[in-house]
């Protein structure tokens, strides 16, 4: 009997809280933590209740102050693609934060990574969260990138997921509304770093994080959320800021790591940012400086300093080259580029050979014309320039003029065909402070041009135009050629001779098309006749088909996306810094281009 009473007592003790939560109180109100459950119809099958993940709340944002700051943000020039930045998180500097993200609003980003201090200093060396943010129309988290960060293993470094800690850290949450406003739909990856991380582990984490971002193939805006000299009299703050800027300029990580709040509130975040900028060949530009006394419009005995630093590509450029872009049929051309375009868009400048005319309607082999949707799809895919010097340039009546007009309408740079005889045939483009000259040549054309002109390969013209390019200040001369044996599997002797002539005349890079099959590539060393200095050149004899309905022979369904990185030294010497290749294949009736990686 005693045993039965004991069991009944224990059962009542365990069940009574559930009963209390399952029924309303005397006023008829449901318990707060059970409202969601009892809002369901009584016939709901609880096995199929969708899991509703909670969202992080931006606790430290005053929406009135936020609205004021986006109504009158600082104005910064948006003349360069911003890839990274250092910005404050004190809301006294809200107009600076708004100005930075407004400057970035025209960029195309796949994610914003925020490196911010863990002011509380507990719960781990590195803190992340996979939750979305409940602000404006919502700001999502890039969970895949967060999972990659959580997978990093470094001895002595703890990396933890903690939603509450992330929500309570103003250094991250202060920025989220600005991202939601100026970069709607772009997910975020906030990363909090502690002050006690060793310098060695800080550098190791920075390296692993850069690798993760690079492998993701995403266009990331990398933001470091830090404030500089803290709560110091203005004269002392100026001294500390000068010391910090000197250490940044010299990339003196040991000095930065030793800094206290007198200099910067997160040495680790600043070091991670500097390493990311270095590994991505970014130049840092200080575009604004302010402090709390200026922003609050009052004299104070103690102040905090704010910098806006943007990371841009300067004296470094990645150019991407592909082979033939052809329209053998009418279909949704955007689908063809849907998979590959993220690789094109990562480039500073993407170039292809447009082997069709653009006369407003479709016409197939042997006299090609593509509809207006074709150049628009090419531009949307991330292409910046097309060569028009090929044997199909004049396939249709008036095609030279019509094609040039269509390319202009699509916003694509171009060369190789010209409306007038005297038109400049040396196309020069400044890309990240490197001046590139593009020269376009074809072995011939299938149909006389009628109106307009085409860049036909001629030894004397090549020599003269390369000289014009150099006289115009070109750092790099690139020849885009259309020649060789159609469907041949390697470069023939005549093509090799022509390529060598262009390089000897001063071209740095020659990119070939026309065979519709990928040919060999090689680096060739030359001595300058003027100063005897060696220069390393590059030749790709044929990049094959990038977009085409050809499949016979099977090699015509394959191509190459060639990436060449150029670097310019302070002396002005510009050279090839890196070369990489992504092989591509074309699949299905809609010619989906798939990278083979």
Protein backbone atom coordinates (compact mmCIF):
# COMPACT_ATOMS: atom_id res chain seq x y z
CA UNK A 1 0.00 0.00 0.00
CA UNK A 2 2.82 2.35 0.91
CA UNK A 3 4.48 1.56 -2.39
CA UNK A 4 1.28 2.41 -4.31
CA UNK A 5 0.91 5.73 -2.46
CA UNK A 6 4.56 6.56 -3.13
CA UNK A 7 4.15 5.87 -6.89
CA UNK A 8 0.98 7.99 -7.03
CA UNK A 9 2.78 10.83 -5.24
CA UNK A 10 5.71 10.75 -7.71
CA UNK A 11 3.33 10.60 -10.69
CA UNK A 12 1.37 13.60 -9.39
CA UNK A 13 4.63 15.52 -8.82
CA UNK A 14 5.78 14.90 -12.41
CA UNK A 15 2.45 15.44 -14.12
CA UNK A 16 1.15 18.47 -12.25
CA UNK A 17 3.45 21.01 -14.01
CA UNK A 18 2.30 19.71 -17.35
CA UNK A 19 -1.31 20.02 -16.24
CA UNK A 20 -0.67 23.56 -15.09
CA UNK A 21 0.79 24.47 -18.48
CA UNK A 22 -1.97 22.65 -20.34
CA UNK A 23 -4.81 24.74 -18.97
CA UNK A 24 -5.49 28.47 -18.71
CA UNK A 25 -5.11 30.33 -15.45
CA UNK A 26 -8.09 31.67 -13.50
CA UNK A 27 -8.29 34.68 -15.83
CA UNK A 28 -8.46 32.43 -18.89
CA UNK A 29 -4.93 33.26 -20.12
CA UNK A 30 -2.66 30.64 -21.63
CA UNK A 31 0.87 30.31 -20.20
CA UNK A 32 3.29 32.41 -22.29
CA UNK A 33 5.62 29.55 -23.19
CA UNK A 34 2.76 27.38 -24.40
CA UNK A 35 0.78 29.85 -26.52
CA UNK A 36 2.24 28.57 -29.81
CA UNK A 37 1.11 25.01 -29.02
CA UNK A 38 -2.44 25.93 -28.07
CA UNK A 39 -2.95 28.25 -31.01
CA UNK A 40 -3.20 25.08 -33.11
CA UNK A 41 -6.56 23.52 -33.94
CA UNK A 42 -7.37 20.65 -31.61
CA UNK A 43 -7.37 18.18 -34.49
CA UNK A 44 -3.78 18.99 -35.50
CA UNK A 45 -1.53 15.95 -35.80
CA UNK A 46 1.43 16.95 -33.60
CA UNK A 47 3.72 14.66 -35.57
CA UNK A 48 3.48 17.12 -38.49
CA UNK A 49 3.92 20.41 -36.63
CA UNK A 50 6.52 22.41 -38.62
CA UNK A 51 9.56 23.42 -36.58
CA UNK A 52 9.70 27.21 -36.35
CA UNK A 53 13.29 28.30 -35.74
CA UNK A 54 13.61 31.37 -33.59
CA UNK A 55 15.34 34.43 -34.98
CA UNK A 56 17.91 36.74 -33.48
CA UNK A 57 16.75 40.17 -32.36
CA UNK A 58 18.81 43.33 -32.91
CA UNK A 59 18.69 44.45 -29.30
CA UNK A 60 20.92 47.46 -29.61
CA UNK A 61 19.30 49.26 -32.50
CA UNK A 62 17.15 52.31 -32.03
CA UNK A 63 14.97 52.24 -35.15
CA UNK A 64 14.36 55.99 -35.02
CA UNK A 65 18.11 56.56 -35.00
CA UNK A 66 18.52 53.97 -37.76
CA UNK A 67 15.94 55.72 -39.95
CA UNK A 68 17.64 59.07 -39.36
CA UNK A 69 21.03 57.63 -40.36
CA UNK A 70 19.79 56.11 -43.63
CA UNK A 71 17.97 59.34 -44.42
CA UNK A 72 21.25 61.26 -44.20
CA UNK A 73 24.20 58.84 -44.45
CA UNK A 74 27.75 59.90 -45.10
CA UNK A 75 28.41 60.13 -48.85
CA UNK A 76 31.37 58.10 -50.10
CA UNK A 77 32.44 57.68 -53.72
CA UNK A 78 31.19 54.40 -55.20
CA UNK A 79 33.74 54.48 -58.03
CA UNK A 80 35.35 51.18 -57.05
CA UNK A 81 34.09 47.72 -56.24
CA UNK A 82 34.32 47.38 -52.45
CA UNK A 83 35.37 43.89 -51.40
CA UNK A 84 36.12 44.52 -47.73
CA UNK A 85 35.92 47.25 -45.12
CA UNK A 86 36.61 48.37 -41.58
CA UNK A 87 33.65 50.16 -40.00
CA UNK A 88 32.56 51.19 -36.48
CA UNK A 89 29.76 49.67 -34.45
CA UNK A 90 29.08 52.47 -31.96
CA UNK A 91 25.72 53.86 -32.98
CA UNK A 92 27.05 57.34 -32.39
CA UNK A 93 28.72 56.67 -35.75
CA UNK A 94 25.49 55.52 -37.43
CA UNK A 95 25.88 57.92 -40.36
CA UNK A 96 29.31 56.41 -41.11
CA UNK A 97 27.93 52.87 -40.98
CA UNK A 98 25.07 53.88 -43.27
CA UNK A 99 27.46 55.61 -45.66
CA UNK A 100 29.67 52.53 -45.95
CA UNK A 101 26.83 50.16 -46.82
CA UNK A 102 25.24 52.72 -49.15
CA UNK A 103 28.57 52.83 -51.00
CA UNK A 104 28.39 49.02 -51.32
CA UNK A 105 24.75 48.95 -52.44
CA UNK A 106 25.60 48.79 -56.15
CA UNK A 107 27.84 45.75 -55.71
CA UNK A 108 26.73 42.18 -56.26
CA UNK A 109 27.44 40.11 -53.15
CA UNK A 110 26.53 36.56 -52.19
CA UNK A 111 27.25 37.04 -48.48
CA UNK A 112 28.51 39.54 -45.91
CA UNK A 113 31.02 38.15 -43.43
CA UNK A 114 31.29 40.27 -40.26
CA UNK A 115 34.33 39.90 -38.00
CA UNK A 116 33.55 41.58 -34.69
CA UNK A 117 34.82 41.63 -31.12
CA UNK A 118 33.40 39.39 -28.43
CA UNK A 119 33.20 42.15 -25.82
CA UNK A 120 32.01 39.81 -23.06
CA UNK A 121 35.08 37.66 -23.65
CA UNK A 122 33.47 34.36 -22.67
CA UNK A 123 31.78 31.33 -24.30
CA UNK A 124 34.76 30.57 -26.55
CA UNK A 125 37.49 32.12 -28.68
CA UNK A 126 35.23 32.28 -31.75
CA UNK A 127 31.43 32.52 -31.59
CA UNK A 128 29.01 32.00 -34.49
CA UNK A 129 25.26 31.50 -34.92
CA UNK A 130 23.22 29.80 -37.63
CA UNK A 131 20.03 31.76 -36.90
CA UNK A 132 18.48 34.40 -39.12
CA UNK A 133 17.81 37.95 -37.88
CA UNK A 134 14.37 39.37 -37.18
CA UNK A 135 14.78 42.91 -38.50
CA UNK A 136 13.15 44.81 -41.40
CA UNK A 137 12.07 42.15 -43.90
CA UNK A 138 14.47 39.66 -42.33
CA UNK A 139 18.20 39.08 -42.79
CA UNK A 140 19.16 35.47 -43.32
CA UNK A 141 22.29 33.67 -42.18
CA UNK A 142 24.51 31.82 -44.65
CA UNK A 143 24.34 28.54 -42.75
CA UNK A 144 26.64 26.69 -45.12
CA UNK A 145 29.49 29.12 -44.49
CA UNK A 146 28.80 28.96 -40.73
CA UNK A 147 28.99 25.16 -40.84
CA UNK A 148 32.34 25.41 -42.64
CA UNK A 149 33.65 27.75 -39.92
CA UNK A 150 32.45 25.36 -37.21
CA UNK A 151 34.41 22.56 -38.91
CA UNK A 152 37.74 24.41 -38.48
CA UNK A 153 40.05 22.54 -36.11
CA UNK A 154 42.95 24.47 -34.58
CA UNK A 155 44.72 23.27 -31.44
CA UNK A 156 43.96 25.57 -28.53
CA UNK A 157 41.20 27.48 -30.36
CA UNK A 158 37.56 26.95 -29.39
CA UNK A 159 34.87 27.69 -32.00
CA UNK A 160 31.35 27.54 -30.60
CA UNK A 161 27.79 28.16 -31.75
CA UNK A 162 25.93 30.37 -29.28
CA UNK A 163 22.77 32.18 -30.38
CA UNK A 164 22.16 34.14 -27.17
CA UNK A 165 25.72 35.40 -27.05
CA UNK A 166 25.51 36.55 -30.68
CA UNK A 167 22.23 38.32 -30.00
CA UNK A 168 23.74 40.14 -27.00
CA UNK A 169 26.83 41.38 -28.89
CA UNK A 170 26.25 44.88 -30.24
CA UNK A 171 29.36 44.79 -32.46
CA UNK A 172 27.55 42.43 -34.84
CA UNK A 173 23.88 43.26 -34.35
CA UNK A 174 24.41 47.00 -34.87
CA UNK A 175 25.27 46.36 -38.52
CA UNK A 176 22.47 43.94 -39.43
CA UNK A 177 19.71 46.52 -40.17
CA UNK A 178 22.05 48.41 -42.53
CA UNK A 179 22.80 45.20 -44.45
CA UNK A 180 19.07 44.42 -44.63
CA UNK A 181 18.36 47.92 -45.96
CA UNK A 182 21.21 48.47 -48.43
CA UNK A 183 21.88 44.84 -49.44
CA UNK A 184 18.44 43.21 -49.27
CA UNK A 185 18.45 39.45 -49.67
CA UNK A 186 22.19 39.09 -48.99
CA UNK A 187 22.84 36.65 -46.11
CA UNK A 188 25.25 37.38 -43.27
CA UNK A 189 27.89 35.44 -41.37
CA UNK A 190 28.68 37.21 -38.07
CA UNK A 191 31.84 35.91 -36.38
CA UNK A 192 32.80 37.09 -32.87
CA UNK A 193 36.44 36.79 -31.85
CA UNK A 194 37.83 37.07 -28.35
CA UNK A 195 40.71 39.14 -27.04
CA UNK A 196 42.68 36.20 -25.58
CA UNK A 197 43.33 34.33 -28.85
CA UNK A 198 47.05 33.86 -29.41
CA UNK A 199 48.65 35.58 -32.39
CA UNK A 200 49.51 32.21 -33.91
CA UNK A 201 45.91 30.98 -33.72
CA UNK A 202 44.58 34.31 -34.96
CA UNK A 203 46.69 33.94 -38.12
CA UNK A 204 45.75 30.28 -38.52
CA UNK A 205 42.05 31.10 -38.21
CA UNK A 206 42.42 33.96 -40.72
CA UNK A 207 44.08 31.58 -43.18
CA UNK A 208 41.40 28.88 -42.81
CA UNK A 209 38.60 31.43 -43.10
CA UNK A 210 40.08 32.87 -46.31
CA UNK A 211 40.33 29.35 -47.78
CA UNK A 212 36.68 28.62 -46.88
CA UNK A 213 35.51 31.81 -48.57
CA UNK A 214 37.64 31.18 -51.65
CA UNK A 215 36.41 27.59 -52.02
CA UNK A 216 32.81 28.72 -51.67
CA UNK A 217 33.19 30.69 -54.94
CA UNK A 218 30.97 33.36 -53.37
CA UNK A 219 31.35 37.09 -53.84
CA UNK A 220 31.83 38.07 -50.23
CA UNK A 221 31.84 41.51 -48.65
CA UNK A 222 34.27 41.06 -45.75
CA UNK A 223 33.56 43.54 -42.94
CA UNK A 224 35.58 44.18 -39.80
CA UNK A 225 33.41 45.82 -37.12
CA UNK A 226 35.77 47.61 -34.73
CA UNK A 227 36.17 50.93 -32.92
CA UNK A 228 39.59 52.43 -32.35
CA UNK A 229 41.00 54.43 -29.41
CA UNK A 230 38.51 54.12 -26.57
CA UNK A 231 37.48 56.72 -23.99
CA UNK A 232 40.67 58.77 -24.17
CA UNK A 233 41.22 62.52 -24.05
CA UNK A 234 41.41 63.72 -27.67
CA UNK A 235 45.19 64.42 -27.63
CA UNK A 236 45.93 60.90 -26.34
CA UNK A 237 43.47 59.41 -28.84
CA UNK A 238 45.31 61.06 -31.72
CA UNK A 239 48.62 59.54 -30.56
CA UNK A 240 47.13 56.05 -30.22
CA UNK A 241 45.40 56.29 -33.62
CA UNK A 242 48.68 57.27 -35.28
CA UNK A 243 50.38 54.25 -33.70
CA UNK A 244 47.56 51.97 -34.85
CA UNK A 245 47.63 53.27 -38.43
CA UNK A 246 51.40 52.82 -38.55
CA UNK A 247 51.07 49.20 -37.41
CA UNK A 248 48.33 48.62 -40.03
CA UNK A 249 50.47 50.08 -42.79
CA UNK A 250 53.44 47.90 -41.82
CA UNK A 251 51.20 44.89 -41.10
CA UNK A 252 52.98 44.64 -37.76
CA UNK A 253 50.79 41.91 -36.32
CA UNK A 254 52.79 41.47 -33.11
CA UNK A 255 52.27 45.13 -32.26
CA UNK A 256 48.57 45.05 -33.16
CA UNK A 257 48.09 41.90 -31.08
CA UNK A 258 49.56 43.67 -28.05
CA UNK A 259 47.16 46.63 -28.29
CA UNK A 260 44.62 47.29 -25.55
CA UNK A 261 41.36 49.24 -25.78
CA UNK A 262 43.46 52.37 -25.88
CA UNK A 263 44.15 51.50 -29.53
CA UNK A 264 41.45 49.13 -30.78
CA UNK A 265 38.70 47.02 -29.21
CA UNK A 266 39.57 43.83 -31.12
CA UNK A 267 43.17 43.26 -32.23
CA UNK A 268 42.23 39.77 -33.46
CA UNK A 269 39.44 41.09 -35.72
CA UNK A 270 41.80 43.68 -37.21
CA UNK A 271 44.53 41.08 -37.86
CA UNK A 272 42.02 38.73 -39.51
CA UNK A 273 40.85 41.57 -41.74
CA UNK A 274 44.40 42.53 -42.74
CA UNK A 275 45.26 38.92 -43.59
CA UNK A 276 42.11 38.57 -45.66
CA UNK A 277 42.97 41.77 -47.54
CA UNK A 278 46.52 40.56 -48.15
CA UNK A 279 45.50 37.12 -49.40
CA UNK A 280 42.95 38.69 -51.76
CA UNK A 281 45.31 41.39 -53.11
CA UNK A 282 43.22 44.23 -51.72
CA UNK A 283 44.45 47.76 -51.27
CA UNK A 284 43.21 49.54 -48.13
CA UNK A 285 41.97 53.11 -48.47
CA UNK A 286 41.04 55.26 -45.45
CA UNK A 287 38.07 57.26 -46.70
CA UNK A 288 36.79 58.74 -43.44
CA UNK A 289 37.75 59.39 -39.83
CA UNK A 290 35.63 60.74 -37.01
CA UNK A 291 35.14 60.42 -33.25
CA UNK A 292 32.38 60.49 -30.68
CA UNK A 293 32.70 64.21 -29.95
CA UNK A 294 32.20 65.07 -33.62
CA UNK A 295 29.28 62.69 -34.11
CA UNK A 296 27.54 63.71 -30.88
CA UNK A 297 28.27 67.39 -31.59
CA UNK A 298 29.49 68.05 -28.09
CA UNK A 299 32.79 68.61 -26.35
CA UNK A 300 33.85 65.62 -24.28
CA UNK A 301 36.81 64.81 -22.09
CA UNK A 302 36.95 61.28 -23.45
CA UNK A 303 36.27 60.12 -26.98
CA UNK A 304 36.32 57.04 -29.23
CA UNK A 305 37.72 57.10 -32.76
CA UNK A 306 35.98 55.73 -35.85
CA UNK A 307 37.57 54.90 -39.20
CA UNK A 308 36.01 53.88 -42.50
CA UNK A 309 38.53 51.83 -44.46
CA UNK A 310 37.58 50.16 -47.73
CA UNK A 311 39.41 47.25 -49.34
CA UNK A 312 39.49 47.43 -53.13
CA UNK A 313 41.41 45.75 -55.92
CA UNK A 314 44.18 48.14 -56.94
CA UNK A 315 47.11 47.20 -59.16
CA UNK A 316 45.73 43.66 -59.34
CA UNK A 317 43.16 42.28 -61.77
CA UNK A 318 41.74 38.89 -62.65
CA UNK A 319 40.63 38.54 -66.26
CA UNK A 320 38.57 35.55 -67.40
CA UNK A 321 38.58 34.32 -70.99
CA UNK A 322 36.29 31.84 -72.75
CA UNK A 323 36.03 30.61 -76.32
CA UNK A 324 33.13 30.74 -78.76
CA UNK A 325 29.66 32.02 -77.76
CA UNK A 326 27.26 30.66 -80.38
CA UNK A 327 23.46 30.61 -80.82
CA UNK A 328 22.54 27.58 -82.93
CA UNK A 329 18.95 27.57 -81.64
CA UNK A 330 16.41 29.71 -79.79
CA UNK A 331 15.88 28.86 -76.11
CA UNK A 332 16.28 30.50 -72.70
CA UNK A 333 19.94 31.51 -72.90
CA UNK A 334 19.92 32.56 -69.26
CA UNK A 335 19.57 28.90 -68.30
CA UNK A 336 22.75 28.09 -70.19
CA UNK A 337 24.75 30.37 -67.88
CA UNK A 338 22.83 29.66 -64.65
CA UNK A 339 25.50 27.38 -63.16
CA UNK A 340 28.68 28.90 -64.58
CA UNK A 341 27.91 32.58 -64.06
CA UNK A 342 29.08 32.67 -60.44
CA UNK A 343 32.60 31.89 -61.71
CA UNK A 344 32.42 34.62 -64.35
CA UNK A 345 31.11 37.21 -61.90
CA UNK A 346 34.06 36.70 -59.56
CA UNK A 347 36.35 38.02 -62.27
CA UNK A 348 37.23 41.69 -62.65
CA UNK A 349 36.64 41.46 -66.41
CA UNK A 350 35.23 38.54 -68.42
CA UNK A 351 35.87 38.18 -72.17
CA UNK A 352 34.44 35.92 -74.89
CA UNK A 353 34.26 35.51 -78.67
CA UNK A 354 30.76 36.35 -79.97
CA UNK A 355 30.45 34.13 -83.03
CA UNK A 356 27.13 35.36 -84.34
CA UNK A 357 25.57 38.59 -85.50
CA UNK A 358 22.85 40.38 -83.55
CA UNK A 359 20.23 41.47 -86.04
CA UNK A 360 17.14 41.27 -83.86
CA UNK A 361 15.92 37.82 -84.92
CA UNK A 362 17.28 34.29 -85.07
CA UNK A 363 18.95 32.77 -88.12
CA UNK A 364 20.85 29.51 -88.01
CA UNK A 365 23.78 27.96 -89.84
CA UNK A 366 25.43 28.98 -92.09
CA UNK A 367 24.43 32.68 -91.68
CA UNK A 368 24.08 33.30 -87.97
CA UNK A 369 21.97 35.90 -86.21
CA UNK A 370 20.85 35.74 -82.57
CA UNK A 371 17.79 37.41 -81.02
CA UNK A 372 18.09 40.38 -78.63
CA UNK A 373 17.82 38.06 -75.64
CA UNK A 374 21.27 36.62 -76.44
CA UNK A 375 23.47 39.65 -75.66
CA UNK A 376 21.33 40.41 -72.60
CA UNK A 377 21.94 36.89 -71.28
CA UNK A 378 25.66 37.22 -71.96
CA UNK A 379 25.81 40.48 -70.01
CA UNK A 380 23.71 39.06 -67.16
CA UNK A 381 26.05 36.07 -66.93
CA UNK A 382 28.89 38.40 -66.03
CA UNK A 383 30.63 39.06 -69.34
CA UNK A 384 32.14 42.51 -69.83
CA UNK A 385 33.69 42.32 -73.31
CA UNK A 386 33.23 40.36 -76.52
CA UNK A 387 35.40 40.14 -79.59
CA UNK A 388 33.50 40.46 -82.87
CA UNK A 389 36.41 39.66 -85.20
CA UNK A 390 35.47 36.25 -86.61
CA UNK A 391 34.38 34.67 -89.88
CA UNK A 392 30.66 35.15 -89.05
CA UNK A 393 30.91 38.90 -88.31
CA UNK A 394 29.16 39.89 -91.55
CA UNK A 395 26.73 36.99 -92.03
CA UNK A 396 23.64 39.17 -92.37
CA UNK A 397 22.97 42.44 -94.27
CA UNK A 398 23.95 45.41 -92.11
CA UNK A 399 25.12 43.07 -89.36
CA UNK A 400 28.21 45.06 -88.35
CA UNK A 401 26.22 48.18 -87.44
CA UNK A 402 23.28 46.26 -85.96
CA UNK A 403 25.53 44.08 -83.80
CA UNK A 404 27.52 47.04 -82.47
CA UNK A 405 24.26 48.79 -81.56
CA UNK A 406 22.91 45.68 -79.81
CA UNK A 407 26.10 45.25 -77.79
CA UNK A 408 26.00 48.91 -76.77
CA UNK A 409 22.38 48.46 -75.72
CA UNK A 410 23.34 45.43 -73.58
CA UNK A 411 26.18 47.35 -71.94
CA UNK A 412 28.94 45.12 -73.29
CA UNK A 413 32.36 46.41 -74.31
CA UNK A 414 33.46 45.16 -77.73
CA UNK A 415 36.00 45.43 -80.52
CA UNK A 416 36.86 43.65 -83.77
CA UNK A 417 34.19 45.24 -85.97
CA UNK A 418 33.89 48.95 -86.70
CA UNK A 419 31.36 51.28 -88.30
CA UNK A 420 34.03 53.45 -89.95
CA UNK A 421 37.44 52.83 -91.50
CA UNK A 422 39.16 55.37 -89.22
CA UNK A 423 37.68 54.08 -85.98
CA UNK A 424 40.28 53.33 -83.30
CA UNK A 425 40.95 49.59 -83.33
CA UNK A 426 42.90 49.59 -80.05
CA UNK A 427 40.38 49.17 -77.23
CA UNK A 428 41.85 50.27 -73.87
CA UNK A 429 40.27 49.54 -70.50
CA UNK A 430 41.51 50.59 -67.07
CA UNK A 431 40.86 47.75 -64.64
CA UNK A 432 41.94 48.34 -61.04
CA UNK A 433 44.60 50.83 -62.10
CA UNK A 434 46.04 48.48 -64.74
CA UNK A 435 45.62 49.66 -68.32
CA UNK A 436 44.73 46.77 -70.70
CA UNK A 437 44.71 47.05 -74.50
CA UNK A 438 42.59 44.59 -76.51
CA UNK A 439 43.26 43.94 -80.21
CA UNK A 440 40.93 41.65 -82.17
CA UNK A 441 41.77 39.82 -85.40
CA UNK A 442 40.25 37.15 -87.63
CA UNK A 443 41.79 35.15 -90.48
CA UNK A 444 38.88 36.23 -92.71
CA UNK A 445 35.09 36.54 -93.12
CA UNK A 446 32.50 34.39 -94.90
CA UNK A 447 30.53 37.28 -96.42
CA UNK A 448 31.78 40.70 -97.61
CA UNK A 449 30.96 43.30 -94.95
CA UNK A 450 28.94 45.71 -97.07
CA UNK A 451 28.72 48.52 -94.52
CA UNK A 452 31.34 48.40 -91.76
CA UNK A 453 34.81 47.01 -91.23
CA UNK A 454 36.37 43.95 -89.60
CA UNK A 455 39.78 43.45 -87.95
CA UNK A 456 41.55 41.13 -90.42
CA UNK A 457 44.91 39.71 -89.33
CA UNK A 458 47.77 41.46 -91.09
CA UNK A 459 51.37 41.45 -89.89
CA UNK A 460 51.96 45.13 -90.49
CA UNK A 461 48.64 46.13 -88.90
CA UNK A 462 49.42 44.00 -85.85
CA UNK A 463 52.81 45.64 -85.37
CA UNK A 464 51.40 49.14 -85.84
CA UNK A 465 48.45 48.63 -83.49
CA UNK A 466 50.52 47.07 -80.72
CA UNK A 467 52.80 50.11 -80.90
CA UNK A 468 49.73 52.37 -80.69
CA UNK A 469 48.61 50.48 -77.60
CA UNK A 470 51.98 50.95 -75.90
CA UNK A 471 52.10 54.62 -76.89
CA UNK A 472 48.67 55.03 -75.29
CA UNK A 473 50.10 53.77 -72.00
CA UNK A 474 48.91 50.15 -72.05
CA UNK A 475 50.43 48.06 -69.26
CA UNK A 476 49.20 44.83 -70.85
CA UNK A 477 48.46 44.10 -74.52
CA UNK A 478 46.05 41.23 -75.24
CA UNK A 479 45.40 39.92 -78.75
CA UNK A 480 42.13 38.04 -79.30
CA UNK A 481 42.46 35.97 -82.46
CA UNK A 482 40.13 33.87 -84.60
CA UNK A 483 42.28 31.51 -86.66
CA UNK A 484 43.49 27.95 -87.02
CA UNK A 485 42.12 24.68 -88.38
CA UNK A 486 38.42 24.18 -87.69
CA UNK A 487 37.90 21.01 -85.61
CA UNK A 488 41.66 20.47 -85.43
CA UNK A 489 42.85 18.99 -82.14
CA UNK A 490 46.00 21.12 -81.81
CA UNK A 491 47.43 24.36 -83.10
CA UNK A 492 48.73 24.16 -86.65
CA UNK A 493 52.07 25.57 -87.82
CA UNK A 494 50.57 28.68 -89.40
CA UNK A 495 48.68 29.61 -86.21
CA UNK A 496 51.82 29.15 -84.13
CA UNK A 497 53.74 31.39 -86.50
CA UNK A 498 51.09 34.12 -86.27
CA UNK A 499 50.94 33.91 -82.47
CA UNK A 500 54.73 34.17 -82.22
CA UNK A 501 54.65 37.24 -84.48
CA UNK A 502 52.14 38.98 -82.21
CA UNK A 503 54.19 38.20 -79.11
CA UNK A 504 57.39 39.36 -80.78
CA UNK A 505 55.68 42.64 -81.69
CA UNK A 506 54.92 43.24 -78.02
CA UNK A 507 51.67 41.45 -77.16
CA UNK A 508 51.69 39.92 -73.69
CA UNK A 509 48.81 37.48 -74.10
CA UNK A 510 47.23 35.85 -77.17
CA UNK A 511 43.87 34.08 -76.79
CA UNK A 512 42.64 32.01 -79.73
CA UNK A 513 39.29 30.79 -81.01
CA UNK A 514 37.74 29.24 -84.17
CA UNK A 515 38.69 25.52 -84.03
CA UNK A 516 35.73 24.85 -81.62
CA UNK A 517 38.00 22.43 -79.76
CA UNK A 518 40.30 23.18 -76.84
CA UNK A 519 43.99 23.40 -77.84
CA UNK A 520 47.20 23.62 -75.87
CA UNK A 521 48.36 26.62 -73.83
CA UNK A 522 51.87 27.71 -72.98
CA UNK A 523 53.99 30.39 -71.34
CA UNK A 524 56.71 31.84 -73.56
CA UNK A 525 59.63 33.96 -72.42
CA UNK A 526 60.83 36.91 -74.51
CA UNK A 527 63.57 39.48 -74.20
CA UNK A 528 62.61 43.10 -74.78
CA UNK A 529 64.68 44.52 -77.61
CA UNK A 530 64.85 47.94 -75.94
CA UNK A 531 66.24 47.04 -72.50
CA UNK A 532 66.93 43.33 -72.75
CA UNK A 533 64.60 42.62 -69.84
CA UNK A 534 62.83 39.26 -69.91
CA UNK A 535 59.04 39.16 -70.04
CA UNK A 536 56.82 36.16 -69.64
CA UNK A 537 54.01 35.90 -72.20
CA UNK A 538 51.11 33.50 -72.51
CA UNK A 539 49.37 31.88 -75.48
CA UNK A 540 46.13 29.87 -75.51
CA UNK A 541 45.69 28.65 -79.09
CA UNK A 542 42.00 27.77 -78.78
CA UNK A 543 39.61 27.81 -75.82
CA UNK A 544 37.02 25.68 -77.63
CA UNK A 545 33.26 26.20 -77.43
CA UNK A 546 31.87 27.83 -74.31
CA UNK A 547 28.25 27.96 -75.52
CA UNK A 548 27.17 25.97 -78.55
CA UNK A 549 24.77 23.26 -79.75
CA UNK A 550 27.60 21.42 -81.49
CA UNK A 551 28.36 17.91 -80.23
CA UNK A 552 30.03 16.33 -83.25
CA UNK A 553 32.84 15.64 -82.78
CA UNK A 554 32.26 15.22 -79.03
CA UNK A 555 35.11 17.63 -78.21
CA UNK A 556 32.99 20.52 -79.52
CA UNK A 557 30.83 20.17 -76.40
CA UNK A 558 33.75 21.18 -74.19
CA UNK A 559 35.47 24.44 -73.40
CA UNK A 560 37.67 26.27 -70.95
CA UNK A 561 37.26 29.21 -68.59
CA UNK A 562 40.77 30.63 -68.34
CA UNK A 563 41.61 32.96 -65.44
CA UNK A 564 44.74 35.12 -65.66
CA UNK A 565 45.73 37.39 -62.77
CA UNK A 566 47.88 40.44 -63.44
CA UNK A 567 49.84 42.44 -60.87
CA UNK A 568 51.34 45.90 -61.16
CA UNK A 569 54.34 46.88 -59.07
CA UNK A 570 55.03 50.37 -57.74
CA UNK A 571 57.65 50.72 -60.49
CA UNK A 572 54.88 50.29 -63.06
CA UNK A 573 56.07 46.85 -64.16
CA UNK A 574 53.04 44.63 -64.77
CA UNK A 575 53.26 40.85 -64.98
CA UNK A 576 51.21 37.65 -64.95
CA UNK A 577 50.83 36.64 -61.31
CA UNK A 578 48.71 33.51 -61.62
CA UNK A 579 46.97 31.34 -64.23
CA UNK A 580 44.17 28.85 -63.56
CA UNK A 581 41.77 26.86 -65.72
CA UNK A 582 38.22 25.59 -65.23
CA UNK A 583 37.20 23.01 -67.83
CA UNK A 584 33.57 23.18 -68.93
CA UNK A 585 31.08 20.88 -70.65
CA UNK A 586 27.78 21.69 -72.36
CA UNK A 587 24.71 19.56 -71.56
CA UNK A 588 21.16 19.15 -72.87
CA UNK A 589 18.95 20.98 -75.35
CA UNK A 590 19.33 24.24 -73.39
CA UNK A 591 23.12 23.94 -73.45
CA UNK A 592 23.73 24.19 -69.73
CA UNK A 593 27.41 25.04 -69.15
CA UNK A 594 28.78 22.93 -66.28
CA UNK A 595 32.20 23.47 -64.67
CA UNK A 596 34.23 20.29 -64.37
CA UNK A 597 35.62 20.77 -60.86
